[in-house]
Amino acid sequence: MKRPGPLIRSAILALCALGFATPPTLAASCYAIGQQVAAQKGGTLAKASQGSRGGQQVCVIVVLVPGKDGQRPRRTEIVVPQG
């Protein structure tokens, strides 16, 4: 049995990678939303990513909120509807 040629293999890898790619405009809007959320919470934006929950497009925001009395920062994850 022959194996798939390099061209077919490359095409399959490219199609698989499309599922993992985040369009730049969506990522940028999640980053902007994340900055707003971090400012409201009084923390620092650690991560902003786009995802899907229940069939709805959302932004998953991770904010580091300073701890009290010298304690380490608290990690808070907030899910916000996109757009």
PDB file of N, CA and C in Angstrom:
ATOM      1  N   MET A   1       0.840  -1.178   0.000  1.00  0.00           N
ATOM      2  CA  MET A   1       0.000   0.000   0.000  1.00  0.00           C
ATOM      3  C   MET A   1       0.886   1.243   0.000  1.00  0.00           C
ATOM      4  N   LYS A   2       0.567   2.166  -0.873  1.00  0.00           N
ATOM      5  CA  LYS A   2       1.361   3.389  -0.970  1.00  0.00           C
ATOM      6  C   LYS A   2       0.954   4.381   0.113  1.00  0.00           C
ATOM      7  N   ARG A   3       1.928   5.178   0.512  1.00  0.00           N
ATOM      8  CA  ARG A   3       1.638   6.238   1.482  1.00  0.00           C
ATOM      9  C   ARG A   3       1.266   7.516   0.743  1.00  0.00           C
ATOM     10  N   PRO A   4       0.547   8.421   1.432  1.00  0.00           N
ATOM     11  CA  PRO A   4       0.194   9.684   0.774  1.00  0.00           C
ATOM     12  C   PRO A   4       1.456  10.476   0.440  1.00  0.00           C
ATOM     13  N   GLY A   5       1.423  11.140  -0.686  1.00  0.00           N
ATOM     14  CA  GLY A   5       2.558  11.951  -1.106  1.00  0.00           C
ATOM     15  C   GLY A   5       2.721  13.186  -0.243  1.00  0.00           C
ATOM     16  N   PRO A   6       3.857  13.857  -0.380  1.00  0.00           N
ATOM     17  CA  PRO A   6       4.127  15.042   0.440  1.00  0.00           C
ATOM     18  C   PRO A   6       3.104  16.155   0.241  1.00  0.00           C
ATOM     19  N   LEU A   7       2.589  16.293  -0.973  1.00  0.00           N
ATOM     20  CA  LEU A   7       1.615  17.352  -1.231  1.00  0.00           C
ATOM     21  C   LEU A   7       0.310  17.091  -0.486  1.00  0.00           C
ATOM     22  N   ILE A   8      -0.156  15.861  -0.521  1.00  0.00           N
ATOM     23  CA  ILE A   8      -1.393  15.506   0.182  1.00  0.00           C
ATOM     24  C   ILE A   8      -1.194  15.644   1.689  1.00  0.00           C
ATOM     25  N   ARG A   9      -0.047  15.194   2.169  1.00  0.00           N
ATOM     26  CA  ARG A   9       0.254  15.288   3.601  1.00  0.00           C
ATOM     27  C   ARG A   9       0.257  16.752   4.054  1.00  0.00           C
ATOM     28  N   SER A  10       0.863  17.629   3.243  1.00  0.00           N
ATOM     29  CA  SER A  10       0.899  19.054   3.574  1.00  0.00           C
ATOM     30  C   SER A  10      -0.500  19.656   3.588  1.00  0.00           C
ATOM     31  N   ALA A  11      -1.327  19.250   2.630  1.00  0.00           N
ATOM     32  CA  ALA A  11      -2.694  19.768   2.565  1.00  0.00           C
ATOM     33  C   ALA A  11      -3.499  19.336   3.785  1.00  0.00           C
ATOM     34  N   ILE A  12      -3.330  18.091   4.197  1.00  0.00           N
ATOM     35  CA  ILE A  12      -4.048  17.599   5.379  1.00  0.00           C
ATOM     36  C   ILE A  12      -3.604  18.356   6.626  1.00  0.00           C
ATOM     37  N   LEU A  13      -2.299  18.564   6.775  1.00  0.00           N
ATOM     38  CA  LEU A  13      -1.794  19.316   7.933  1.00  0.00           C
ATOM     39  C   LEU A  13      -2.315  20.746   7.932  1.00  0.00           C
ATOM     40  N   ALA A  14      -2.370  21.376   6.763  1.00  0.00           N
ATOM     41  CA  ALA A  14      -2.866  22.748   6.675  1.00  0.00           C
ATOM     42  C   ALA A  14      -4.335  22.823   7.079  1.00  0.00           C
ATOM     43  N   LEU A  15      -5.136  21.859   6.623  1.00  0.00           N
ATOM     44  CA  LEU A  15      -6.555  21.855   6.991  1.00  0.00           C
ATOM     45  C   LEU A  15      -6.749  21.624   8.485  1.00  0.00           C
ATOM     46  N   CYS A  16      -5.933  20.772   9.075  1.00  0.00           N
ATOM     47  CA  CYS A  16      -6.023  20.532  10.518  1.00  0.00           C
ATOM     48  C   CYS A  16      -5.636  21.784  11.297  1.00  0.00           C
ATOM     49  N   ALA A  17      -4.642  22.499  10.810  1.00  0.00           N
ATOM     50  CA  ALA A  17      -4.178  23.700  11.504  1.00  0.00           C
ATOM     51  C   ALA A  17      -5.224  24.807  11.474  1.00  0.00           C
ATOM     52  N   LEU A  18      -6.089  24.819  10.476  1.00  0.00           N
ATOM     53  CA  LEU A  18      -7.120  25.853  10.402  1.00  0.00           C
ATOM     54  C   LEU A  18      -8.041  25.832  11.615  1.00  0.00           C
ATOM     55  N   GLY A  19      -8.290  24.678  12.158  1.00  0.00           N
ATOM     56  CA  GLY A  19      -9.154  24.567  13.329  1.00  0.00           C
ATOM     57  C   GLY A  19      -8.541  25.173  14.575  1.00  0.00           C
ATOM     58  N   PHE A  20      -7.215  25.287  14.609  1.00  0.00           N
ATOM     59  CA  PHE A  20      -6.540  25.816  15.786  1.00  0.00           C
ATOM     60  C   PHE A  20      -6.186  27.287  15.653  1.00  0.00           C
ATOM     61  N   ALA A  21      -6.315  27.835  14.469  1.00  0.00           N
ATOM     62  CA  ALA A  21      -5.939  29.230  14.246  1.00  0.00           C
ATOM     63  C   ALA A  21      -7.053  30.153  14.718  1.00  0.00           C
ATOM     64  N   THR A  22      -6.662  31.234  15.359  1.00  0.00           N
ATOM     65  CA  THR A  22      -7.610  32.253  15.786  1.00  0.00           C
ATOM     66  C   THR A  22      -7.466  33.442  14.851  1.00  0.00           C
ATOM     67  N   PRO A  23      -8.534  33.869  14.203  1.00  0.00           N
ATOM     68  CA  PRO A  23      -8.415  35.032  13.333  1.00  0.00           C
ATOM     69  C   PRO A  23      -7.887  36.230  14.113  1.00  0.00           C
ATOM     70  N   PRO A  24      -6.979  37.011  13.522  1.00  0.00           N
ATOM     71  CA  PRO A  24      -6.359  38.124  14.239  1.00  0.00           C
ATOM     72  C   PRO A  24      -7.354  39.139  14.783  1.00  0.00           C
ATOM     73  N   THR A  25      -8.438  39.415  14.043  1.00  0.00           N
ATOM     74  CA  THR A  25      -9.393  40.409  14.522  1.00  0.00           C
ATOM     75  C   THR A  25     -10.127  39.925  15.764  1.00  0.00           C
ATOM     76  N   LEU A  26     -10.441  38.623  15.821  1.00  0.00           N
ATOM     77  CA  LEU A  26     -11.111  38.088  17.006  1.00  0.00           C
ATOM     78  C   LEU A  26     -10.178  38.114  18.208  1.00  0.00           C
ATOM     79  N   ALA A  27      -8.926  37.740  17.999  1.00  0.00           N
ATOM     80  CA  ALA A  27      -7.959  37.748  19.091  1.00  0.00           C
ATOM     81  C   ALA A  27      -7.734  39.171  19.582  1.00  0.00           C
ATOM     82  N   ALA A  28      -7.671  40.128  18.659  1.00  0.00           N
ATOM     83  CA  ALA A  28      -7.459  41.521  19.039  1.00  0.00           C
ATOM     84  C   ALA A  28      -8.649  42.050  19.833  1.00  0.00           C
ATOM     85  N   SER A  29      -9.873  41.673  19.438  1.00  0.00           N
ATOM     86  CA  SER A  29     -11.034  42.164  20.172  1.00  0.00           C
ATOM     87  C   SER A  29     -11.086  41.536  21.564  1.00  0.00           C
ATOM     88  N   CYS A  30     -10.687  40.268  21.702  1.00  0.00           N
ATOM     89  CA  CYS A  30     -10.639  39.643  23.023  1.00  0.00           C
ATOM     90  C   CYS A  30      -9.579  40.315  23.892  1.00  0.00           C
ATOM     91  N   TYR A  31      -8.469  40.695  23.290  1.00  0.00           N
ATOM     92  CA  TYR A  31      -7.417  41.385  24.042  1.00  0.00           C
ATOM     93  C   TYR A  31      -7.932  42.732  24.553  1.00  0.00           C
ATOM     94  N   ALA A  32      -8.643  43.475  23.702  1.00  0.00           N
ATOM     95  CA  ALA A  32      -9.198  44.768  24.113  1.00  0.00           C
ATOM     96  C   ALA A  32     -10.236  44.587  25.221  1.00  0.00           C
ATOM     97  N   ILE A  33     -11.085  43.577  25.086  1.00  0.00           N
ATOM     98  CA  ILE A  33     -12.069  43.283  26.131  1.00  0.00           C
ATOM     99  C   ILE A  33     -11.344  42.920  27.422  1.00  0.00           C
ATOM    100  N   GLY A  34     -10.277  42.131  27.303  1.00  0.00           N
ATOM    101  CA  GLY A  34      -9.491  41.731  28.472  1.00  0.00           C
ATOM    102  C   GLY A  34      -8.872  42.910  29.191  1.00  0.00           C
ATOM    103  N   GLN A  35      -8.386  43.886  28.439  1.00  0.00           N
ATOM    104  CA  GLN A  35      -7.815  45.081  29.067  1.00  0.00           C
ATOM    105  C   GLN A  35      -8.877  45.847  29.854  1.00  0.00           C
ATOM    106  N   GLN A  36     -10.081  45.940  29.294  1.00  0.00           N
ATOM    107  CA  GLN A  36     -11.169  46.631  29.994  1.00  0.00           C
ATOM    108  C   GLN A  36     -11.550  45.892  31.276  1.00  0.00           C
ATOM    109  N   VAL A  37     -11.659  44.577  31.195  1.00  0.00           N
ATOM    110  CA  VAL A  37     -12.031  43.775  32.362  1.00  0.00           C
ATOM    111  C   VAL A  37     -10.957  43.887  33.443  1.00  0.00           C
ATOM    112  N   ALA A  38      -9.690  43.833  33.044  1.00  0.00           N
ATOM    113  CA  ALA A  38      -8.589  43.935  34.005  1.00  0.00           C
ATOM    114  C   ALA A  38      -8.608  45.290  34.711  1.00  0.00           C
ATOM    115  N   ALA A  39      -8.892  46.350  33.966  1.00  0.00           N
ATOM    116  CA  ALA A  39      -8.964  47.681  34.571  1.00  0.00           C
ATOM    117  C   ALA A  39     -10.124  47.761  35.562  1.00  0.00           C
ATOM    118  N   GLN A  40     -11.264  47.161  35.226  1.00  0.00           N
ATOM    119  CA  GLN A  40     -12.419  47.165  36.127  1.00  0.00           C
ATOM    120  C   GLN A  40     -12.129  46.390  37.408  1.00  0.00           C
ATOM    121  N   LYS A  41     -11.381  45.293  37.287  1.00  0.00           N
ATOM    122  CA  LYS A  41     -11.071  44.449  38.449  1.00  0.00           C
ATOM    123  C   LYS A  41      -9.873  44.966  39.243  1.00  0.00           C
ATOM    124  N   GLY A  42      -9.159  45.958  38.689  1.00  0.00           N
ATOM    125  CA  GLY A  42      -7.981  46.483  39.376  1.00  0.00           C
ATOM    126  C   GLY A  42      -6.793  45.543  39.299  1.00  0.00           C
ATOM    127  N   GLY A  43      -6.726  44.755  38.237  1.00  0.00           N
ATOM    128  CA  GLY A  43      -5.653  43.775  38.097  1.00  0.00           C
ATOM    129  C   GLY A  43      -4.895  43.935  36.797  1.00  0.00           C
ATOM    130  N   THR A  44      -4.134  42.903  36.467  1.00  0.00           N
ATOM    131  CA  THR A  44      -3.315  42.882  35.264  1.00  0.00           C
ATOM    132  C   THR A  44      -3.810  41.773  34.347  1.00  0.00           C
ATOM    133  N   LEU A  45      -3.934  42.087  33.069  1.00  0.00           N
ATOM    134  CA  LEU A  45      -4.358  41.085  32.097  1.00  0.00           C
ATOM    135  C   LEU A  45      -3.241  40.066  31.913  1.00  0.00           C
ATOM    136  N   ALA A  46      -3.536  38.794  32.167  1.00  0.00           N
ATOM    137  CA  ALA A  46      -2.550  37.726  32.005  1.00  0.00           C
ATOM    138  C   ALA A  46      -2.756  36.987  30.687  1.00  0.00           C
ATOM    139  N   LYS A  47      -4.024  36.823  30.276  1.00  0.00           N
ATOM    140  CA  LYS A  47      -4.311  36.060  29.060  1.00  0.00           C
ATOM    141  C   LYS A  47      -5.685  36.437  28.535  1.00  0.00           C
ATOM    142  N   ALA A  48      -5.804  36.510  27.228  1.00  0.00           N
ATOM    143  CA  ALA A  48      -7.091  36.736  26.577  1.00  0.00           C
ATOM    144  C   ALA A  48      -7.154  35.821  25.366  1.00  0.00           C
ATOM    145  N   SER A  49      -8.137  34.929  25.347  1.00  0.00           N
ATOM    146  CA  SER A  49      -8.256  34.007  24.224  1.00  0.00           C
ATOM    147  C   SER A  49      -9.713  33.872  23.809  1.00  0.00           C
ATOM    148  N   GLN A  50      -9.896  33.457  22.565  1.00  0.00           N
ATOM    149  CA  GLN A  50     -11.229  33.294  22.013  1.00  0.00           C
ATOM    150  C   GLN A  50     -11.608  31.827  22.096  1.00  0.00           C
ATOM    151  N   GLY A  51     -12.868  31.560  22.418  1.00  0.00           N
ATOM    152  CA  GLY A  51     -13.318  30.180  22.516  1.00  0.00           C
ATOM    153  C   GLY A  51     -14.799  30.075  22.224  1.00  0.00           C
ATOM    154  N   SER A  52     -15.329  28.887  22.432  1.00  0.00           N
ATOM    155  CA  SER A  52     -16.742  28.636  22.194  1.00  0.00           C
ATOM    156  C   SER A  52     -17.311  27.911  23.403  1.00  0.00           C
ATOM    157  N   ARG A  53     -18.395  28.417  23.933  1.00  0.00           N
ATOM    158  CA  ARG A  53     -19.079  27.786  25.066  1.00  0.00           C
ATOM    159  C   ARG A  53     -20.559  27.710  24.737  1.00  0.00           C
ATOM    160  N   GLY A  54     -21.072  26.512  24.695  1.00  0.00           N
ATOM    161  CA  GLY A  54     -22.491  26.332  24.398  1.00  0.00           C
ATOM    162  C   GLY A  54     -22.873  26.820  23.013  1.00  0.00           C
ATOM    163  N   GLY A  55     -21.947  26.751  22.059  1.00  0.00           N
ATOM    164  CA  GLY A  55     -22.226  27.202  20.703  1.00  0.00           C
ATOM    165  C   GLY A  55     -22.113  28.698  20.511  1.00  0.00           C
ATOM    166  N   GLN A  56     -21.760  29.434  21.553  1.00  0.00           N
ATOM    167  CA  GLN A  56     -21.633  30.889  21.477  1.00  0.00           C
ATOM    168  C   GLN A  56     -20.159  31.265  21.539  1.00  0.00           C
ATOM    169  N   GLN A  57     -19.749  32.228  20.714  1.00  0.00           N
ATOM    170  CA  GLN A  57     -18.369  32.699  20.723  1.00  0.00           C
ATOM    171  C   GLN A  57     -18.143  33.575  21.952  1.00  0.00           C
ATOM    172  N   VAL A  58     -17.086  33.266  22.709  1.00  0.00           N
ATOM    173  CA  VAL A  58     -16.788  33.996  23.937  1.00  0.00           C
ATOM    174  C   VAL A  58     -15.305  34.344  23.987  1.00  0.00           C
ATOM    175  N   CYS A  59     -14.970  35.273  24.862  1.00  0.00           N
ATOM    176  CA  CYS A  59     -13.589  35.590  25.187  1.00  0.00           C
ATOM    177  C   CYS A  59     -13.329  35.065  26.594  1.00  0.00           C
ATOM    178  N   VAL A  60     -12.244  34.323  26.743  1.00  0.00           N
ATOM    179  CA  VAL A  60     -11.842  33.817  28.052  1.00  0.00           C
ATOM    180  C   VAL A  60     -10.709  34.713  28.529  1.00  0.00           C
ATOM    181  N   ILE A  61     -10.965  35.452  29.597  1.00  0.00           N
ATOM    182  CA  ILE A  61     -10.031  36.448  30.111  1.00  0.00           C
ATOM    183  C   ILE A  61      -9.466  35.960  31.434  1.00  0.00           C
ATOM    184  N   VAL A  62      -8.146  36.041  31.587  1.00  0.00           N
ATOM    185  CA  VAL A  62      -7.492  35.699  32.850  1.00  0.00           C
ATOM    186  C   VAL A  62      -6.846  36.969  33.388  1.00  0.00           C
ATOM    187  N   VAL A  63      -7.240  37.340  34.605  1.00  0.00           N
ATOM    188  CA  VAL A  63      -6.742  38.558  35.248  1.00  0.00           C
ATOM    189  C   VAL A  63      -6.036  38.185  36.543  1.00  0.00           C
ATOM    190  N   LEU A  64      -4.889  38.801  36.786  1.00  0.00           N
ATOM    191  CA  LEU A  64      -4.188  38.640  38.060  1.00  0.00           C
ATOM    192  C   LEU A  64      -4.513  39.846  38.929  1.00  0.00           C
ATOM    193  N   VAL A  65      -5.222  39.591  40.023  1.00  0.00           N
ATOM    194  CA  VAL A  65      -5.628  40.647  40.953  1.00  0.00           C
ATOM    195  C   VAL A  65      -4.661  40.626  42.129  1.00  0.00           C
ATOM    196  N   PRO A  66      -4.074  41.790  42.477  1.00  0.00           N
ATOM    197  CA  PRO A  66      -3.105  41.816  43.579  1.00  0.00           C
ATOM    198  C   PRO A  66      -3.694  41.257  44.871  1.00  0.00           C
ATOM    199  N   GLY A  67      -2.873  40.491  45.603  1.00  0.00           N
ATOM    200  CA  GLY A  67      -3.297  39.941  46.885  1.00  0.00           C
ATOM    201  C   GLY A  67      -3.242  40.999  47.973  1.00  0.00           C
ATOM    202  N   LYS A  68      -3.868  40.709  49.088  1.00  0.00           N
ATOM    203  CA  LYS A  68      -3.883  41.642  50.218  1.00  0.00           C
ATOM    204  C   LYS A  68      -2.737  41.326  51.164  1.00  0.00           C
ATOM    205  N   ASP A  69      -2.197  42.348  51.798  1.00  0.00           N
ATOM    206  CA  ASP A  69      -1.139  42.203  52.802  1.00  0.00           C
ATOM    207  C   ASP A  69       0.063  41.421  52.278  1.00  0.00           C
ATOM    208  N   GLY A  70       0.486  41.715  51.053  1.00  0.00           N
ATOM    209  CA  GLY A  70       1.681  41.087  50.500  1.00  0.00           C
ATOM    210  C   GLY A  70       1.503  39.667  50.007  1.00  0.00           C
ATOM    211  N   GLN A  71       0.278  39.178  49.983  1.00  0.00           N
ATOM    212  CA  GLN A  71       0.047  37.824  49.474  1.00  0.00           C
ATOM    213  C   GLN A  71       0.186  37.810  47.953  1.00  0.00           C
ATOM    214  N   ARG A  72       0.350  36.626  47.411  1.00  0.00           N
ATOM    215  CA  ARG A  72       0.498  36.509  45.965  1.00  0.00           C
ATOM    216  C   ARG A  72      -0.803  36.883  45.253  1.00  0.00           C
ATOM    217  N   PRO A  73      -0.705  37.277  43.983  1.00  0.00           N
ATOM    218  CA  PRO A  73      -1.906  37.675  43.234  1.00  0.00           C
ATOM    219  C   PRO A  73      -2.881  36.509  43.067  1.00  0.00           C
ATOM    220  N   ARG A  74      -4.154  36.855  42.982  1.00  0.00           N
ATOM    221  CA  ARG A  74      -5.194  35.861  42.732  1.00  0.00           C
ATOM    222  C   ARG A  74      -5.448  35.790  41.231  1.00  0.00           C
ATOM    223  N   ARG A  75      -5.590  34.583  40.732  1.00  0.00           N
ATOM    224  CA  ARG A  75      -5.881  34.374  39.311  1.00  0.00           C
ATOM    225  C   ARG A  75      -7.392  34.254  39.154  1.00  0.00           C
ATOM    226  N   THR A  76      -7.966  35.128  38.339  1.00  0.00           N
ATOM    227  CA  THR A  76      -9.403  35.128  38.114  1.00  0.00           C
ATOM    228  C   THR A  76      -9.672  34.909  36.631  1.00  0.00           C
ATOM    229  N   GLU A  77     -10.529  33.938  36.316  1.00  0.00           N
ATOM    230  CA  GLU A  77     -10.894  33.679  34.923  1.00  0.00           C
ATOM    231  C   GLU A  77     -12.317  34.152  34.703  1.00  0.00           C
ATOM    232  N   ILE A  78     -12.499  35.006  33.705  1.00  0.00           N
ATOM    233  CA  ILE A  78     -13.806  35.573  33.394  1.00  0.00           C
ATOM    234  C   ILE A  78     -14.153  35.207  31.953  1.00  0.00           C
ATOM    235  N   VAL A  79     -15.362  34.710  31.732  1.00  0.00           N
ATOM    236  CA  VAL A  79     -15.830  34.383  30.381  1.00  0.00           C
ATOM    237  C   VAL A  79     -16.838  35.450  29.978  1.00  0.00           C
ATOM    238  N   VAL A  80     -16.549  36.133  28.858  1.00  0.00           N
ATOM    239  CA  VAL A  80     -17.370  37.248  28.396  1.00  0.00           C
ATOM    240  C   VAL A  80     -17.867  36.940  26.982  1.00  0.00           C
ATOM    241  N   PRO A  81     -19.159  37.149  26.697  1.00  0.00           N
ATOM    242  CA  PRO A  81     -19.634  36.963  25.320  1.00  0.00           C
ATOM    243  C   PRO A  81     -18.877  37.896  24.373  1.00  0.00           C
ATOM    244  N   GLN A  82     -18.553  37.401  23.208  1.00  0.00           N
ATOM    245  CA  GLN A  82     -17.773  38.198  22.268  1.00  0.00           C
ATOM    246  C   GLN A  82     -18.664  39.103  21.445  1.00  0.00           C
ATOM    247  N   GLY A  83     -18.185  40.312  21.265  1.00  0.00           N
ATOM    248  CA  GLY A  83     -18.787  41.225  20.339  1.00  0.00           C
ATOM    249  C   GLY A  83     -19.961  41.968  20.781  1.00  0.00           C
TER     250      GLY A  83
END
